[in-house]
PDB file of N, CA and C in Angstrom:
ATOM      1  N   MET A   1     147.649 247.731 285.071  1.00  0.00           N
ATOM      2  CA  MET A   1     146.474 247.434 284.409  1.00  0.00           C
ATOM      3  C   MET A   1     144.781 247.469 285.953  1.00  0.00           C
ATOM      4  N   GLU A   2     144.046 247.867 286.151  1.00  0.00           N
ATOM      5  CA  GLU A   2     143.193 247.700 287.013  1.00  0.00           C
ATOM      6  C   GLU A   2     141.500 247.219 286.879  1.00  0.00           C
ATOM      7  N   LYS A   3     141.482 245.945 287.318  1.00  0.00           N
ATOM      8  CA  LYS A   3     140.309 245.656 287.155  1.00  0.00           C
ATOM      9  C   LYS A   3     138.968 246.009 288.347  1.00  0.00           C
ATOM     10  N   ILE A   4     137.910 246.431 287.795  1.00  0.00           N
ATOM     11  CA  ILE A   4     136.379 247.053 288.522  1.00  0.00           C
ATOM     12  C   ILE A   4     135.505 246.159 288.029  1.00  0.00           C
ATOM     13  N   LEU A   5     134.584 246.354 289.361  1.00  0.00           N
ATOM     14  CA  LEU A   5     133.277 245.754 288.865  1.00  0.00           C
ATOM     15  C   LEU A   5     132.381 247.011 289.278  1.00  0.00           C
ATOM     16  N   ILE A   6     131.603 247.056 288.292  1.00  0.00           N
ATOM     17  CA  ILE A   6     130.711 248.560 288.190  1.00  0.00           C
ATOM     18  C   ILE A   6     129.401 247.612 288.095  1.00  0.00           C
ATOM     19  N   GLU A   7     128.117 248.150 288.733  1.00  0.00           N
ATOM     20  CA  GLU A   7     126.380 247.866 288.943  1.00  0.00           C
ATOM     21  C   GLU A   7     126.289 248.859 288.565  1.00  0.00           C
ATOM     22  N   VAL A   8     124.935 248.877 287.169  1.00  0.00           N
ATOM     23  CA  VAL A   8     124.714 249.971 286.678  1.00  0.00           C
ATOM     24  C   VAL A   8     122.967 249.562 287.250  1.00  0.00           C
ATOM     25  N   ASP A   9     122.324 250.852 286.872  1.00  0.00           N
ATOM     26  CA  ASP A   9     120.555 250.649 287.292  1.00  0.00           C
ATOM     27  C   ASP A   9     119.891 250.509 286.050  1.00  0.00           C
ATOM     28  N   THR A  10     120.846 251.141 284.821  1.00  0.00           N
ATOM     29  CA  THR A  10     119.386 250.962 284.253  1.00  0.00           C
ATOM     30  C   THR A  10     120.289 250.750 282.794  1.00  0.00           C
ATOM     31  N   PRO A  11     119.549 249.903 281.373  1.00  0.00           N
ATOM     32  CA  PRO A  11     120.217 250.076 280.126  1.00  0.00           C
ATOM     33  C   PRO A  11     120.880 250.881 279.319  1.00  0.00           C
ATOM     34  N   GLU A  12     120.096 252.566 279.955  1.00  0.00           N
ATOM     35  CA  GLU A  12     120.782 253.207 278.953  1.00  0.00           C
ATOM     36  C   GLU A  12     121.515 253.999 280.048  1.00  0.00           C
ATOM     37  N   ASP A  13     122.071 253.304 281.293  1.00  0.00           N
ATOM     38  CA  ASP A  13     123.494 253.855 281.904  1.00  0.00           C
ATOM     39  C   ASP A  13     123.899 253.413 281.273  1.00  0.00           C
ATOM     40  N   LYS A  14     124.097 251.975 281.566  1.00  0.00           N
ATOM     41  CA  LYS A  14     125.183 250.711 280.335  1.00  0.00           C
ATOM     42  C   LYS A  14     125.953 251.578 279.151  1.00  0.00           C
ATOM     43  N   GLU A  15     124.493 252.285 278.344  1.00  0.00           N
ATOM     44  CA  GLU A  15     125.043 251.737 277.066  1.00  0.00           C
ATOM     45  C   GLU A  15     125.870 253.050 277.522  1.00  0.00           C
ATOM     46  N   LEU A  16     125.917 254.422 278.313  1.00  0.00           N
ATOM     47  CA  LEU A  16     126.281 255.271 278.495  1.00  0.00           C
ATOM     48  C   LEU A  16     127.708 254.938 278.675  1.00  0.00           C
ATOM     49  N   LEU A  17     128.056 254.171 279.595  1.00  0.00           N
ATOM     50  CA  LEU A  17     129.149 254.009 279.688  1.00  0.00           C
ATOM     51  C   LEU A  17     130.103 253.359 278.843  1.00  0.00           C
ATOM     52  N   LEU A  18     129.319 252.109 278.153  1.00  0.00           N
ATOM     53  CA  LEU A  18     130.098 251.343 277.298  1.00  0.00           C
ATOM     54  C   LEU A  18     129.992 252.047 276.342  1.00  0.00           C
ATOM     55  N   ALA A  19     129.787 253.592 276.211  1.00  0.00           N
ATOM     56  CA  ALA A  19     130.575 254.600 275.137  1.00  0.00           C
ATOM     57  C   ALA A  19     131.271 255.188 275.106  1.00  0.00           C
ATOM     58  N   LEU A  20     131.396 255.604 276.765  1.00  0.00           N
ATOM     59  CA  LEU A  20     132.987 256.438 277.709  1.00  0.00           C
ATOM     60  C   LEU A  20     133.854 255.912 277.607  1.00  0.00           C
ATOM     61  N   LEU A  21     133.948 254.399 277.403  1.00  0.00           N
ATOM     62  CA  LEU A  21     135.047 253.253 277.798  1.00  0.00           C
ATOM     63  C   LEU A  21     136.772 253.739 277.178  1.00  0.00           C
ATOM     64  N   PRO A  22     135.816 253.557 275.676  1.00  0.00           N
ATOM     65  CA  PRO A  22     137.311 253.837 274.427  1.00  0.00           C
ATOM     66  C   PRO A  22     137.972 255.306 274.845  1.00  0.00           C
ATOM     67  N   ARG A  23     136.984 256.329 275.291  1.00  0.00           N
ATOM     68  CA  ARG A  23     137.744 257.553 275.618  1.00  0.00           C
ATOM     69  C   ARG A  23     139.087 257.700 277.232  1.00  0.00           C
ATOM     70  N   LEU A  24     138.465 256.679 277.614  1.00  0.00           N
ATOM     71  CA  LEU A  24     139.141 256.357 278.745  1.00  0.00           C
ATOM     72  C   LEU A  24     140.194 255.538 279.028  1.00  0.00           C
ATOM     73  N   ASN A  25     140.840 254.748 277.707  1.00  0.00           N
ATOM     74  CA  ASN A  25     141.126 253.662 277.291  1.00  0.00           C
ATOM     75  C   ASN A  25     141.297 252.503 278.029  1.00  0.00           C
ATOM     76  N   SER A  26     139.917 251.797 278.206  1.00  0.00           N
ATOM     77  CA  SER A  26     139.284 250.963 279.094  1.00  0.00           C
ATOM     78  C   SER A  26     138.458 250.322 278.025  1.00  0.00           C
ATOM     79  N   ARG A  27     138.401 249.448 278.314  1.00  0.00           N
ATOM     80  CA  ARG A  27     137.548 248.049 277.732  1.00  0.00           C
ATOM     81  C   ARG A  27     137.101 247.095 278.446  1.00  0.00           C
ATOM     82  N   VAL A  28     135.726 246.532 277.639  1.00  0.00           N
ATOM     83  CA  VAL A  28     135.022 245.831 279.012  1.00  0.00           C
ATOM     84  C   VAL A  28     135.685 244.019 278.422  1.00  0.00           C
ATOM     85  N   VAL A  29     135.868 243.536 279.210  1.00  0.00           N
ATOM     86  CA  VAL A  29     136.789 242.105 279.599  1.00  0.00           C
ATOM     87  C   VAL A  29     135.451 240.981 279.556  1.00  0.00           C
ATOM     88  N   ASP A  30     135.009 241.161 280.442  1.00  0.00           N
ATOM     89  CA  ASP A  30     133.866 239.565 280.525  1.00  0.00           C
ATOM     90  C   ASP A  30     132.371 240.266 281.667  1.00  0.00           C
ATOM     91  N   GLN A  31     131.841 240.936 280.822  1.00  0.00           N
ATOM     92  CA  GLN A  31     130.238 241.145 281.636  1.00  0.00           C
ATOM     93  C   GLN A  31     129.969 240.136 282.577  1.00  0.00           C
ATOM     94  N   GLN A  32     129.779 238.941 282.434  1.00  0.00           N
ATOM     95  CA  GLN A  32     128.985 237.954 282.870  1.00  0.00           C
ATOM     96  C   GLN A  32     129.884 237.173 283.405  1.00  0.00           C
ATOM     97  N   SER A  33     130.857 237.121 283.773  1.00  0.00           N
ATOM     98  CA  SER A  33     132.158 236.403 284.853  1.00  0.00           C
ATOM     99  C   SER A  33     131.792 235.821 285.846  1.00  0.00           C
ATOM    100  N   VAL A  34     131.371 237.264 286.575  1.00  0.00           N
ATOM    101  CA  VAL A  34     131.159 236.907 287.808  1.00  0.00           C
ATOM    102  C   VAL A  34     130.015 236.060 288.464  1.00  0.00           C
ATOM    103  N   GLN A  35     129.081 236.576 287.338  1.00  0.00           N
ATOM    104  CA  GLN A  35     127.920 235.820 287.401  1.00  0.00           C
ATOM    105  C   GLN A  35     127.932 234.505 287.601  1.00  0.00           C
ATOM    106  N   GLN A  36     129.079 233.719 286.079  1.00  0.00           N
ATOM    107  CA  GLN A  36     129.216 232.703 285.710  1.00  0.00           C
ATOM    108  C   GLN A  36     130.010 231.826 286.771  1.00  0.00           C
ATOM    109  N   LYS A  37     131.152 232.308 287.010  1.00  0.00           N
ATOM    110  CA  LYS A  37     131.547 231.896 288.565  1.00  0.00           C
ATOM    111  C   LYS A  37     130.899 231.670 289.554  1.00  0.00           C
ATOM    112  N   ASN A  38     130.131 232.148 290.157  1.00  0.00           N
ATOM    113  CA  ASN A  38     129.350 232.478 291.501  1.00  0.00           C
ATOM    114  C   ASN A  38     128.400 231.345 291.011  1.00  0.00           C
ATOM    115  N   ALA A  39     127.749 230.694 289.965  1.00  0.00           N
ATOM    116  CA  ALA A  39     126.911 230.109 289.840  1.00  0.00           C
ATOM    117  C   ALA A  39     127.786 228.841 289.333  1.00  0.00           C
ATOM    118  N   ALA A  40     128.614 228.702 289.006  1.00  0.00           N
ATOM    119  CA  ALA A  40     129.798 227.452 289.073  1.00  0.00           C
ATOM    120  C   ALA A  40     130.099 226.696 290.648  1.00  0.00           C
ATOM    121  N   PHE A  41     130.525 227.807 291.965  1.00  0.00           N
ATOM    122  CA  PHE A  41     131.276 227.729 292.707  1.00  0.00           C
ATOM    123  C   PHE A  41     129.392 226.679 293.242  1.00  0.00           C
ATOM    124  N   ILE A  42     128.670 228.266 293.090  1.00  0.00           N
ATOM    125  CA  ILE A  42     126.998 227.424 293.947  1.00  0.00           C
ATOM    126  C   ILE A  42     126.811 226.178 293.786  1.00  0.00           C
ATOM    127  N   ASP A  43     126.707 225.934 292.593  1.00  0.00           N
ATOM    128  CA  ASP A  43     126.616 224.471 292.155  1.00  0.00           C
ATOM    129  C   ASP A  43     127.253 223.423 292.603  1.00  0.00           C
ATOM    130  N   ALA A  44     128.644 223.814 292.610  1.00  0.00           N
ATOM    131  CA  ALA A  44     130.339 222.351 292.838  1.00  0.00           C
ATOM    132  C   ALA A  44     129.403 222.481 294.786  1.00  0.00           C
ATOM    133  N   ALA A  45     129.249 223.315 295.722  1.00  0.00           N
ATOM    134  CA  ALA A  45     129.269 223.493 296.425  1.00  0.00           C
ATOM    135  C   ALA A  45     127.593 222.645 296.887  1.00  0.00           C
ATOM    136  N   ARG A  46     126.853 222.512 296.291  1.00  0.00           N
ATOM    137  CA  ARG A  46     125.592 222.111 296.486  1.00  0.00           C
ATOM    138  C   ARG A  46     125.828 220.333 296.001  1.00  0.00           C
ATOM    139  N   ARG A  47     126.705 220.029 295.308  1.00  0.00           N
ATOM    140  CA  ARG A  47     126.890 219.014 294.503  1.00  0.00           C
ATOM    141  C   ARG A  47     128.053 218.417 295.749  1.00  0.00           C
ATOM    142  N   ILE A  48     128.836 218.939 296.565  1.00  0.00           N
ATOM    143  CA  ILE A  48     129.444 218.421 297.253  1.00  0.00           C
ATOM    144  C   ILE A  48     128.933 218.300 298.864  1.00  0.00           C
ATOM    145  N   ALA A  49     127.901 219.427 299.188  1.00  0.00           N
ATOM    146  CA  ALA A  49     126.874 219.027 300.273  1.00  0.00           C
ATOM    147  C   ALA A  49     125.961 218.052 300.218  1.00  0.00           C
ATOM    148  N   ALA A  50     125.686 217.398 299.058  1.00  0.00           N
ATOM    149  CA  ALA A  50     124.690 216.231 298.383  1.00  0.00           C
ATOM    150  C   ALA A  50     125.528 215.039 298.683  1.00  0.00           C
ATOM    151  N   HIS A  51     126.794 214.924 298.825  1.00  0.00           N
ATOM    152  CA  HIS A  51     127.224 214.026 298.365  1.00  0.00           C
ATOM    153  C   HIS A  51     127.866 213.737 300.586  1.00  0.00           C
ATOM    154  N   GLY A  52     127.376 214.613 300.932  1.00  0.00           N
ATOM    155  CA  GLY A  52     127.818 214.827 302.844  1.00  0.00           C
ATOM    156  C   GLY A  52     129.419 215.054 303.294  1.00  0.00           C
ATOM    157  N   GLY A  53     129.941 215.852 302.332  1.00  0.00           N
ATOM    158  CA  GLY A  53     130.656 217.006 302.109  1.00  0.00           C
ATOM    159  C   GLY A  53     132.157 216.863 301.632  1.00  0.00           C
ATOM    160  N   VAL A  54     132.765 217.184 302.408  1.00  0.00           N
ATOM    161  CA  VAL A  54     134.413 216.605 302.265  1.00  0.00           C
ATOM    162  C   VAL A  54     135.120 216.150 303.528  1.00  0.00           C
ATOM    163  N   GLY A  55     134.561 216.345 304.245  1.00  0.00           N
ATOM    164  CA  GLY A  55     135.460 215.782 305.909  1.00  0.00           C
ATOM    165  C   GLY A  55     135.868 214.441 305.924  1.00  0.00           C
ATOM    166  N   ASP A  56     134.505 213.654 305.964  1.00  0.00           N
ATOM    167  CA  ASP A  56     135.568 212.782 306.011  1.00  0.00           C
ATOM    168  C   ASP A  56     136.320 212.184 304.962  1.00  0.00           C
ATOM    169  N   SER A  57     136.905 212.681 303.456  1.00  0.00           N
ATOM    170  CA  SER A  57     137.246 212.173 302.334  1.00  0.00           C
ATOM    171  C   SER A  57     138.631 212.056 302.957  1.00  0.00           C
ATOM    172  N   PHE A  58     139.030 212.829 303.257  1.00  0.00           N
ATOM    173  CA  PHE A  58     140.605 213.557 304.711  1.00  0.00           C
ATOM    174  C   PHE A  58     140.882 212.492 305.677  1.00  0.00           C
ATOM    175  N   GLY A  59     140.013 211.864 305.919  1.00  0.00           N
ATOM    176  CA  GLY A  59     140.887 210.911 307.018  1.00  0.00           C
ATOM    177  C   GLY A  59     140.807 211.404 308.952  1.00  0.00           C
ATOM    178  N   ASP A  60     141.888 210.649 309.385  1.00  0.00           N
ATOM    179  CA  ASP A  60     141.822 211.050 310.436  1.00  0.00           C
ATOM    180  C   ASP A  60     143.246 211.816 310.754  1.00  0.00           C
ATOM    181  N   PRO A  61     143.013 213.571 310.759  1.00  0.00           N
ATOM    182  CA  PRO A  61     144.351 214.483 310.838  1.00  0.00           C
ATOM    183  C   PRO A  61     145.505 213.829 311.717  1.00  0.00           C
ATOM    184  N   ALA A  62     145.013 213.382 312.998  1.00  0.00           N
ATOM    185  CA  ALA A  62     145.840 213.036 313.496  1.00  0.00           C
ATOM    186  C   ALA A  62     147.307 211.561 312.869  1.00  0.00           C
ATOM    187  N   GLU A  63     145.969 210.884 312.670  1.00  0.00           N
ATOM    188  CA  GLU A  63     146.757 209.701 311.707  1.00  0.00           C
ATOM    189  C   GLU A  63     148.269 210.370 310.506  1.00  0.00           C
ATOM    190  N   TRP A  64     147.644 211.297 310.109  1.00  0.00           N
ATOM    191  CA  TRP A  64     148.720 211.775 308.974  1.00  0.00           C
ATOM    192  C   TRP A  64     149.467 212.663 309.495  1.00  0.00           C
ATOM    193  N   GLN A  65     149.330 213.346 310.239  1.00  0.00           N
ATOM    194  CA  GLN A  65     150.549 213.576 311.135  1.00  0.00           C
ATOM    195  C   GLN A  65     151.410 213.141 311.224  1.00  0.00           C
ATOM    196  N   ARG A  66     151.188 212.239 312.562  1.00  0.00           N
ATOM    197  CA  ARG A  66     151.540 211.001 312.796  1.00  0.00           C
ATOM    198  C   ARG A  66     153.197 210.779 311.400  1.00  0.00           C
ATOM    199  N   GLU A  67     152.291 209.653 310.536  1.00  0.00           N
ATOM    200  CA  GLU A  67     152.801 209.425 309.214  1.00  0.00           C
ATOM    201  C   GLU A  67     153.794 210.644 308.689  1.00  0.00           C
ATOM    202  N   ILE A  68     153.238 211.898 308.679  1.00  0.00           N
ATOM    203  CA  ILE A  68     154.574 212.515 307.754  1.00  0.00           C
ATOM    204  C   ILE A  68     155.518 213.073 308.881  1.00  0.00           C
ATOM    205  N   ARG A  69     155.593 212.764 309.795  1.00  0.00           N
ATOM    206  CA  ARG A  69     156.378 213.073 311.346  1.00  0.00           C
ATOM    207  C   ARG A  69     157.398 212.027 310.898  1.00  0.00           C
ATOM    208  N   SER A  70     156.785 210.617 310.977  1.00  0.00           N
ATOM    209  CA  SER A  70     157.687 209.383 310.289  1.00  0.00           C
ATOM    210  C   SER A  70     158.753 209.931 309.468  1.00  0.00           C
ATOM    211  N   TRP A  71     158.292 210.727 308.837  1.00  0.00           N
ATOM    212  CA  TRP A  71     159.810 210.314 307.695  1.00  0.00           C
ATOM    213  C   TRP A  71     160.828 211.735 308.010  1.00  0.00           C
ATOM    214  N   ASP A  72     160.417 212.382 309.394  1.00  0.00           N
ATOM    215  CA  ASP A  72     161.427 213.141 309.363  1.00  0.00           C
ATOM    216  C   ASP A  72     162.430 212.852 309.620  1.00  0.00           C
ATOM    217  N   ARG A  73     163.744 213.365 309.692  1.00  0.00           N
ATOM    218  CA  ARG A  73     164.583 213.196 310.305  1.00  0.00           C
ATOM    219  C   ARG A  73     165.684 212.961 311.753  1.00  0.00           C
ATOM    220  N   VAL A  74     166.415 212.556 312.030  1.00  0.00           N
ATOM    221  CA  VAL A  74     166.721 212.961 313.453  1.00  0.00           C
ATOM    222  C   VAL A  74     167.846 214.042 312.786  1.00  0.00           C
ATOM    223  N   LEU A  75     168.178 215.349 313.130  1.00  0.00           N
ATOM    224  CA  LEU A  75     168.633 216.472 313.570  1.00  0.00           C
ATOM    225  C   LEU A  75     169.995 215.680 314.092  1.00  0.00           C
ATOM    226  N   ASP A  76     171.354 216.290 314.005  1.00  0.00           N
ATOM    227  CA  ASP A  76     172.865 216.054 314.444  1.00  0.00           C
ATOM    228  C   ASP A  76     172.553 216.670 315.698  1.00  0.00           C
ATOM    229  N   GLY A  77     173.633 215.920 316.810  1.00  0.00           N
ATOM    230  CA  GLY A  77     173.426 216.337 317.825  1.00  0.00           C
ATOM    231  C   GLY A  77     172.077 216.324 318.751  1.00  0.00           C
ATOM    232  N   ARG A  78     170.807 215.599 318.034  1.00  0.00           N
ATOM    233  CA  ARG A  78     169.562 215.605 318.889  1.00  0.00           C
ATOM    234  C   ARG A  78     169.372 213.506 318.872  1.00  0.00           C
ATOM    235  N   GLU A  79     169.032 213.206 320.205  1.00  0.00           N
ATOM    236  CA  GLU A  79     168.356 211.784 320.054  1.00  0.00           C
ATOM    237  C   GLU A  79     166.868 211.364 319.844  1.00  0.00           C
ATOM    238  N   GLU A  80     166.962 210.296 319.434  1.00  0.00           N
ATOM    239  CA  GLU A  80     165.966 209.827 318.494  1.00  0.00           C
ATOM    240  C   GLU A  80     164.553 210.127 319.615  1.00  0.00           C
TER     241      GLU A  80
END
């Protein structure tokens, strides 16, 4: 099964396309999902930006890497 997004210029063309779908063994999954997902993403991005972004919430990447590396074990035959 494949999904495609189709833009239609007129309501008449939309009705014609919808009438043809059963003959093509096809169906409409969700007409508004793309617009709703885009709107939800834009809203979430605006809320994050309004709070200063996400950069500071992660802390210092070098400190995180040092902490993670401290958990590594010494491999056989290698010195600390």
